[in-house]
Amino acid sequence: GQLTDPRTAVILSYALCGFAHVASVAIFVGGTAALVPSRRDDLASLGLRALLAATLATLMTGCVAGIFSTGQGVTILRP
């Protein structure tokens, strides 16, 4: 179906543009492990925690976008 409410489109745009996906975790672990190869196991165990934190941050960003969105635009500076 179609998105009929502009507010829904704003919330989804912010929520879908986060870094909460497995590829980001792989880039993080691979890039950091290249700098510190001796801590590779520690970094791999932090990967799932980082994915959970990124998911929560993305959901919170969508919530904040929903708070400031009225469907007519974003109302941060309006009285």
C-alpha atoms as a PDB file:
ATOM      1  CA  GLY A   1       0.000   0.000   0.000  1.00  0.00           C
ATOM      2  CA  GLN A   2       0.785   3.631   0.024  1.00  0.00           C
ATOM      3  CA  LEU A   3       1.811   5.868   2.864  1.00  0.00           C
ATOM      4  CA  THR A   4      -1.102   8.233   3.247  1.00  0.00           C
ATOM      5  CA  ASP A   5       0.199  10.160   6.251  1.00  0.00           C
ATOM      6  CA  PRO A   6       3.261  12.409   5.728  1.00  0.00           C
ATOM      7  CA  ARG A   7       4.145  11.994   9.411  1.00  0.00           C
ATOM      8  CA  THR A   8       4.531   8.244   8.851  1.00  0.00           C
ATOM      9  CA  ALA A   9       6.922   8.912   5.972  1.00  0.00           C
ATOM     10  CA  VAL A  10       9.049  11.187   8.180  1.00  0.00           C
ATOM     11  CA  ILE A  11       9.237   8.619  10.983  1.00  0.00           C
ATOM     12  CA  LEU A  12      10.092   5.793   8.580  1.00  0.00           C
ATOM     13  CA  SER A  13      12.739   7.892   6.824  1.00  0.00           C
ATOM     14  CA  TYR A  14      14.586   8.498  10.075  1.00  0.00           C
ATOM     15  CA  ALA A  15      14.105   4.954  11.338  1.00  0.00           C
ATOM     16  CA  LEU A  16      15.341   3.317   8.121  1.00  0.00           C
ATOM     17  CA  CYS A  17      18.436   5.524   7.775  1.00  0.00           C
ATOM     18  CA  GLY A  18      20.144   4.154  10.878  1.00  0.00           C
ATOM     19  CA  PHE A  19      23.195   1.939  11.153  1.00  0.00           C
ATOM     20  CA  ALA A  20      21.413  -0.996  12.766  1.00  0.00           C
ATOM     21  CA  HIS A  21      22.330  -3.758  10.356  1.00  0.00           C
ATOM     22  CA  VAL A  22      24.774  -6.619  10.293  1.00  0.00           C
ATOM     23  CA  ALA A  23      26.944  -5.077   7.575  1.00  0.00           C
ATOM     24  CA  SER A  24      27.744  -2.084   9.793  1.00  0.00           C
ATOM     25  CA  VAL A  25      28.750  -4.397  12.620  1.00  0.00           C
ATOM     26  CA  ALA A  26      30.984  -6.378  10.253  1.00  0.00           C
ATOM     27  CA  ILE A  27      32.658  -3.174   9.059  1.00  0.00           C
ATOM     28  CA  PHE A  28      33.183  -2.079  12.671  1.00  0.00           C
ATOM     29  CA  VAL A  29      34.648  -5.405  13.791  1.00  0.00           C
ATOM     30  CA  GLY A  30      36.783  -5.863  10.675  1.00  0.00           C
ATOM     31  CA  GLY A  31      38.146  -2.321  10.668  1.00  0.00           C
ATOM     32  CA  THR A  32      38.938  -2.258  14.355  1.00  0.00           C
ATOM     33  CA  ALA A  33      40.387  -5.774  14.336  1.00  0.00           C
ATOM     34  CA  ALA A  34      42.788  -4.660  11.613  1.00  0.00           C
ATOM     35  CA  LEU A  35      44.102  -2.006  14.005  1.00  0.00           C
ATOM     36  CA  VAL A  36      44.309  -4.308  17.041  1.00  0.00           C
ATOM     37  CA  PRO A  37      44.520  -7.941  15.882  1.00  0.00           C
ATOM     38  CA  SER A  38      45.199  -9.258  19.388  1.00  0.00           C
ATOM     39  CA  ARG A  39      41.751  -8.116  20.583  1.00  0.00           C
ATOM     40  CA  ARG A  40      39.752  -9.667  17.728  1.00  0.00           C
ATOM     41  CA  ASP A  41      37.796 -12.012  20.025  1.00  0.00           C
ATOM     42  CA  ASP A  42      36.819  -9.134  22.306  1.00  0.00           C
ATOM     43  CA  LEU A  43      35.636  -7.093  19.337  1.00  0.00           C
ATOM     44  CA  ALA A  44      33.586  -9.984  17.981  1.00  0.00           C
ATOM     45  CA  SER A  45      31.806 -10.359  21.307  1.00  0.00           C
ATOM     46  CA  LEU A  46      31.044  -6.636  21.309  1.00  0.00           C
ATOM     47  CA  GLY A  47      29.500  -6.888  17.844  1.00  0.00           C
ATOM     48  CA  LEU A  48      26.106  -8.104  19.056  1.00  0.00           C
ATOM     49  CA  ARG A  49      26.007  -5.463  21.778  1.00  0.00           C
ATOM     50  CA  ALA A  50      26.845  -2.820  19.193  1.00  0.00           C
ATOM     51  CA  LEU A  51      24.026  -4.094  16.973  1.00  0.00           C
ATOM     52  CA  LEU A  52      21.569  -3.884  19.869  1.00  0.00           C
ATOM     53  CA  ALA A  53      22.739  -0.370  20.764  1.00  0.00           C
ATOM     54  CA  ALA A  54      22.445   0.738  17.133  1.00  0.00           C
ATOM     55  CA  THR A  55      18.922  -0.688  16.926  1.00  0.00           C
ATOM     56  CA  LEU A  56      17.851   1.158  20.071  1.00  0.00           C
ATOM     57  CA  ALA A  57      19.429   4.404  18.844  1.00  0.00           C
ATOM     58  CA  THR A  58      17.666   4.096  15.490  1.00  0.00           C
ATOM     59  CA  LEU A  59      14.312   3.458  17.168  1.00  0.00           C
ATOM     60  CA  MET A  60      14.823   6.448  19.459  1.00  0.00           C
ATOM     61  CA  THR A  61      15.647   8.631  16.451  1.00  0.00           C
ATOM     62  CA  GLY A  62      12.363   7.581  14.846  1.00  0.00           C
ATOM     63  CA  CYS A  63      10.522   8.412  18.074  1.00  0.00           C
ATOM     64  CA  VAL A  64      12.063  11.883  18.257  1.00  0.00           C
ATOM     65  CA  ALA A  65      11.201  12.471  14.600  1.00  0.00           C
ATOM     66  CA  GLY A  66       7.614  11.494  15.403  1.00  0.00           C
ATOM     67  CA  ILE A  67       7.487  13.942  18.302  1.00  0.00           C
ATOM     68  CA  PHE A  68       8.597  16.901  16.184  1.00  0.00           C
ATOM     69  CA  SER A  69       6.647  15.960  13.047  1.00  0.00           C
ATOM     70  CA  THR A  70       3.105  17.243  12.589  1.00  0.00           C
ATOM     71  CA  GLY A  71       2.465  16.044   9.047  1.00  0.00           C
ATOM     72  CA  GLN A  72       2.848  19.601   7.753  1.00  0.00           C
ATOM     73  CA  GLY A  73       6.591  19.632   8.303  1.00  0.00           C
ATOM     74  CA  VAL A  74       8.917  19.507  11.248  1.00  0.00           C
ATOM     75  CA  THR A  75       7.992  21.923  14.046  1.00  0.00           C
ATOM     76  CA  ILE A  76      11.230  22.626  15.848  1.00  0.00           C
ATOM     77  CA  LEU A  77      11.349  26.403  15.494  1.00  0.00           C
ATOM     78  CA  ARG A  78       7.660  27.232  15.228  1.00  0.00           C
ATOM     79  CA  PRO A  79       5.949  28.897  18.204  1.00  0.00           C
END
